[in-house]
Amino acid sequence: MTRKEFIADALASCVEHCIVWPFAVRKSSGYGAHSLCQNGRKSNCDIHRHVCQQAHGDRRGMEAAHRCGNKLCINPRHLYWATHLDNMADAKEHGRLKGGGRYRQRFFAPEIAHIRASNDSLLTLAAQYDTDVSYIGRLRRAA
């Protein structure tokens, strides 16, 4: 099944459970990645935002949010347009926000101290703290 077919199936689906994006994922954010080609130009976007646009129309200045809290879910029933504040409150409610949001500190001093002092691998720490390996590496290098 191609990406385009997968998206079309998700948009036409009536299921209540998450539809998990099985293709490319951004390491930096953990969201599904998608490439669009329009007017001969290629652009990259987060797949949940693309599906939200297709299902609910385009809302400039708004963020595509997940009711389910699953970053890889593209079920249109789980996606909705939200303000940044509403999206961050929703992320916090789902346990996805750790001490801040994107471009902010995700962990506080006790967690950072543990990460820097630990002999565990970056992969082990990333799994333990439910974050990406590159972020754990940045914390360690900043010591």
C-alpha atoms as a PDB file:
ATOM      1  CA  MET A   1       0.000   0.000   0.000  1.00  0.00           C
ATOM      2  CA  THR A   2       1.341   3.421  -0.928  1.00  0.00           C
ATOM      3  CA  ARG A   3       1.323   6.471   1.336  1.00  0.00           C
ATOM      4  CA  LYS A   4      -1.363   8.085  -0.796  1.00  0.00           C
ATOM      5  CA  GLU A   5      -3.586   4.979  -0.522  1.00  0.00           C
ATOM      6  CA  PHE A   6      -3.009   4.784   3.235  1.00  0.00           C
ATOM      7  CA  ILE A   7      -4.065   8.419   3.652  1.00  0.00           C
ATOM      8  CA  ALA A   8      -7.159   7.901   1.474  1.00  0.00           C
ATOM      9  CA  ASP A   9      -8.142   4.826   3.523  1.00  0.00           C
ATOM     10  CA  ALA A  10      -7.665   6.742   6.782  1.00  0.00           C
ATOM     11  CA  LEU A  11      -9.807   9.629   5.527  1.00  0.00           C
ATOM     12  CA  ALA A  12     -12.577   7.221   4.481  1.00  0.00           C
ATOM     13  CA  SER A  13     -12.392   5.136   7.663  1.00  0.00           C
ATOM     14  CA  CYS A  14     -15.118   5.066  10.315  1.00  0.00           C
ATOM     15  CA  VAL A  15     -13.097   3.206  12.964  1.00  0.00           C
ATOM     16  CA  GLU A  16     -12.804   4.523  16.505  1.00  0.00           C
ATOM     17  CA  HIS A  17      -9.273   3.246  17.242  1.00  0.00           C
ATOM     18  CA  CYS A  18      -6.016   4.970  16.293  1.00  0.00           C
ATOM     19  CA  ILE A  19      -4.793   4.646  12.721  1.00  0.00           C
ATOM     20  CA  VAL A  20      -1.029   4.567  13.172  1.00  0.00           C
ATOM     21  CA  TRP A  21       1.176   6.070  10.443  1.00  0.00           C
ATOM     22  CA  PRO A  22       3.563   3.239   9.384  1.00  0.00           C
ATOM     23  CA  PHE A  23       5.910   5.325   7.225  1.00  0.00           C
ATOM     24  CA  ALA A  24       8.570   7.972   7.947  1.00  0.00           C
ATOM     25  CA  VAL A  25       8.771   9.554  11.419  1.00  0.00           C
ATOM     26  CA  ARG A  26      10.660  12.716  12.352  1.00  0.00           C
ATOM     27  CA  LYS A  27      13.381  11.929  14.885  1.00  0.00           C
ATOM     28  CA  SER A  28      13.202  15.415  16.346  1.00  0.00           C
ATOM     29  CA  SER A  29       9.484  15.423  17.160  1.00  0.00           C
ATOM     30  CA  GLY A  30       8.214  11.842  16.870  1.00  0.00           C
ATOM     31  CA  TYR A  31       5.442  12.903  14.465  1.00  0.00           C
ATOM     32  CA  GLY A  32       4.792  11.148  11.179  1.00  0.00           C
ATOM     33  CA  ALA A  33       6.462  12.831   8.199  1.00  0.00           C
ATOM     34  CA  HIS A  34       4.987  13.281   4.733  1.00  0.00           C
ATOM     35  CA  SER A  35       6.172  14.861   1.483  1.00  0.00           C
ATOM     36  CA  LEU A  36       3.828  16.731  -0.821  1.00  0.00           C
ATOM     37  CA  CYS A  37       4.461  17.693  -4.417  1.00  0.00           C
ATOM     38  CA  GLN A  38       2.427  20.713  -5.525  1.00  0.00           C
ATOM     39  CA  ASN A  39       3.018  22.744  -8.659  1.00  0.00           C
ATOM     40  CA  GLY A  40       6.279  20.872  -9.235  1.00  0.00           C
ATOM     41  CA  ARG A  41       7.613  21.791  -5.790  1.00  0.00           C
ATOM     42  CA  LYS A  42       8.236  19.313  -3.000  1.00  0.00           C
ATOM     43  CA  SER A  43       7.441  20.265   0.586  1.00  0.00           C
ATOM     44  CA  ASN A  44       7.580  18.340   3.837  1.00  0.00           C
ATOM     45  CA  CYS A  45       4.858  18.362   6.471  1.00  0.00           C
ATOM     46  CA  ASP A  46       3.653  16.504   9.529  1.00  0.00           C
ATOM     47  CA  ILE A  47       1.184  13.855   8.364  1.00  0.00           C
ATOM     48  CA  HIS A  48      -1.356  14.537  11.124  1.00  0.00           C
ATOM     49  CA  ARG A  49      -1.569  18.181  10.008  1.00  0.00           C
ATOM     50  CA  HIS A  50      -2.053  17.134   6.366  1.00  0.00           C
ATOM     51  CA  VAL A  51      -4.840  14.694   7.304  1.00  0.00           C
ATOM     52  CA  CYS A  52      -6.472  17.294   9.562  1.00  0.00           C
ATOM     53  CA  GLN A  53      -6.474  19.746   6.623  1.00  0.00           C
ATOM     54  CA  GLN A  54      -8.008  17.142   4.332  1.00  0.00           C
ATOM     55  CA  ALA A  55     -10.675  16.141   6.858  1.00  0.00           C
ATOM     56  CA  HIS A  56     -11.504  19.440   8.552  1.00  0.00           C
ATOM     57  CA  GLY A  57     -10.361  22.156   6.145  1.00  0.00           C
ATOM     58  CA  ASP A  58      -7.384  24.469   6.419  1.00  0.00           C
ATOM     59  CA  ARG A  59      -7.078  26.652   9.499  1.00  0.00           C
ATOM     60  CA  ARG A  60      -4.092  28.969   9.266  1.00  0.00           C
ATOM     61  CA  GLY A  61      -2.610  29.835  12.636  1.00  0.00           C
ATOM     62  CA  MET A  62      -4.135  26.781  14.313  1.00  0.00           C
ATOM     63  CA  GLU A  63      -2.410  23.543  15.309  1.00  0.00           C
ATOM     64  CA  ALA A  64      -3.498  20.013  14.473  1.00  0.00           C
ATOM     65  CA  ALA A  65      -4.105  18.300  17.832  1.00  0.00           C
ATOM     66  CA  HIS A  66      -4.732  14.668  18.822  1.00  0.00           C
ATOM     67  CA  ARG A  67      -7.672  13.706  21.039  1.00  0.00           C
ATOM     68  CA  CYS A  68      -5.961  10.360  21.636  1.00  0.00           C
ATOM     69  CA  GLY A  69      -2.492  11.700  22.516  1.00  0.00           C
ATOM     70  CA  ASN A  70      -0.837   9.365  19.961  1.00  0.00           C
ATOM     71  CA  LYS A  71       1.631  11.361  17.851  1.00  0.00           C
ATOM     72  CA  LEU A  72       1.496   8.806  15.026  1.00  0.00           C
ATOM     73  CA  CYS A  73      -2.301   8.609  14.828  1.00  0.00           C
ATOM     74  CA  ILE A  74      -3.909   9.961  11.645  1.00  0.00           C
ATOM     75  CA  ASN A  75      -7.509   8.966  12.364  1.00  0.00           C
ATOM     76  CA  PRO A  76      -9.515  12.064  11.321  1.00  0.00           C
ATOM     77  CA  ARG A  77     -11.886  11.423  14.248  1.00  0.00           C
ATOM     78  CA  HIS A  78      -8.958  11.880  16.640  1.00  0.00           C
ATOM     79  CA  LEU A  79      -7.624  15.055  14.980  1.00  0.00           C
ATOM     80  CA  TYR A  80      -8.958  18.568  15.467  1.00  0.00           C
ATOM     81  CA  TRP A  81      -7.821  22.187  15.127  1.00  0.00           C
ATOM     82  CA  ALA A  82      -6.703  23.832  18.368  1.00  0.00           C
ATOM     83  CA  THR A  83      -5.005  26.980  19.541  1.00  0.00           C
ATOM     84  CA  HIS A  84      -1.431  26.573  20.739  1.00  0.00           C
ATOM     85  CA  LEU A  85      -2.534  26.909  24.378  1.00  0.00           C
ATOM     86  CA  ASP A  86      -5.275  24.290  23.965  1.00  0.00           C
ATOM     87  CA  ASN A  87      -2.865  21.942  22.192  1.00  0.00           C
ATOM     88  CA  MET A  88      -0.274  22.290  24.971  1.00  0.00           C
ATOM     89  CA  ALA A  89      -2.944  21.701  27.647  1.00  0.00           C
ATOM     90  CA  ASP A  90      -4.058  18.600  25.758  1.00  0.00           C
ATOM     91  CA  ALA A  91      -0.453  17.373  25.434  1.00  0.00           C
ATOM     92  CA  LYS A  92       0.051  17.888  29.163  1.00  0.00           C
ATOM     93  CA  GLU A  93      -3.153  15.957  29.923  1.00  0.00           C
ATOM     94  CA  HIS A  94      -1.887  13.052  27.793  1.00  0.00           C
ATOM     95  CA  GLY A  95       1.501  13.096  29.539  1.00  0.00           C
ATOM     96  CA  ARG A  96       3.313  14.266  26.401  1.00  0.00           C
ATOM     97  CA  LEU A  97       4.578  17.540  27.825  1.00  0.00           C
ATOM     98  CA  LYS A  98       7.502  17.315  30.181  1.00  0.00           C
ATOM     99  CA  GLY A  99       8.394  20.666  31.718  1.00  0.00           C
ATOM    100  CA  GLY A 100       7.638  22.686  28.607  1.00  0.00           C
ATOM    101  CA  GLY A 101       6.898  22.264  24.972  1.00  0.00           C
ATOM    102  CA  ARG A 102       8.708  22.339  21.692  1.00  0.00           C
ATOM    103  CA  TYR A 103      11.822  24.562  21.828  1.00  0.00           C
ATOM    104  CA  ARG A 104      11.595  24.582  25.635  1.00  0.00           C
ATOM    105  CA  GLN A 105      13.224  22.549  28.328  1.00  0.00           C
ATOM    106  CA  ARG A 106      11.467  19.185  28.529  1.00  0.00           C
ATOM    107  CA  PHE A 107      12.958  18.089  31.840  1.00  0.00           C
ATOM    108  CA  PHE A 108      13.689  19.747  35.137  1.00  0.00           C
ATOM    109  CA  ALA A 109      16.903  19.714  37.203  1.00  0.00           C
ATOM    110  CA  PRO A 110      16.418  16.318  38.950  1.00  0.00           C
ATOM    111  CA  GLU A 111      15.809  14.481  35.657  1.00  0.00           C
ATOM    112  CA  ILE A 112      18.683  16.279  33.936  1.00  0.00           C
ATOM    113  CA  ALA A 113      21.042  15.431  36.822  1.00  0.00           C
ATOM    114  CA  HIS A 114      20.045  11.765  36.604  1.00  0.00           C
ATOM    115  CA  ILE A 115      20.546  11.683  32.825  1.00  0.00           C
ATOM    116  CA  ARG A 116      24.009  13.269  33.111  1.00  0.00           C
ATOM    117  CA  ALA A 117      25.119  11.007  35.976  1.00  0.00           C
ATOM    118  CA  SER A 118      23.717   7.770  34.570  1.00  0.00           C
ATOM    119  CA  ASN A 119      25.897   5.131  32.930  1.00  0.00           C
ATOM    120  CA  ASP A 120      22.905   3.865  30.940  1.00  0.00           C
ATOM    121  CA  SER A 121      22.971   4.131  27.168  1.00  0.00           C
ATOM    122  CA  LEU A 122      21.252   7.026  25.397  1.00  0.00           C
ATOM    123  CA  LEU A 123      18.736   4.542  23.989  1.00  0.00           C
ATOM    124  CA  THR A 124      17.892   3.180  27.433  1.00  0.00           C
ATOM    125  CA  LEU A 125      17.475   6.680  28.885  1.00  0.00           C
ATOM    126  CA  ALA A 126      15.345   7.813  25.927  1.00  0.00           C
ATOM    127  CA  ALA A 127      13.015   4.852  26.483  1.00  0.00           C
ATOM    128  CA  GLN A 128      12.933   5.486  30.244  1.00  0.00           C
ATOM    129  CA  TYR A 129      12.009   9.163  29.780  1.00  0.00           C
ATOM    130  CA  ASP A 130       9.838   8.641  26.684  1.00  0.00           C
ATOM    131  CA  THR A 131      11.805  11.065  24.517  1.00  0.00           C
ATOM    132  CA  ASP A 132      14.150  10.929  21.542  1.00  0.00           C
ATOM    133  CA  VAL A 133      17.758   9.783  21.738  1.00  0.00           C
ATOM    134  CA  SER A 134      19.094  13.019  20.236  1.00  0.00           C
ATOM    135  CA  TYR A 135      17.556  15.076  23.064  1.00  0.00           C
ATOM    136  CA  ILE A 136      19.171  12.836  25.700  1.00  0.00           C
ATOM    137  CA  GLY A 137      22.478  13.202  23.860  1.00  0.00           C
ATOM    138  CA  ARG A 138      22.173  17.003  23.846  1.00  0.00           C
ATOM    139  CA  LEU A 139      21.526  16.991  27.600  1.00  0.00           C
ATOM    140  CA  ARG A 140      24.602  14.865  28.221  1.00  0.00           C
ATOM    141  CA  ARG A 141      26.853  16.959  25.984  1.00  0.00           C
ATOM    142  CA  ALA A 142      25.739  20.169  27.720  1.00  0.00           C
ATOM    143  CA  ALA A 143      27.145  18.920  31.044  1.00  0.00           C
END
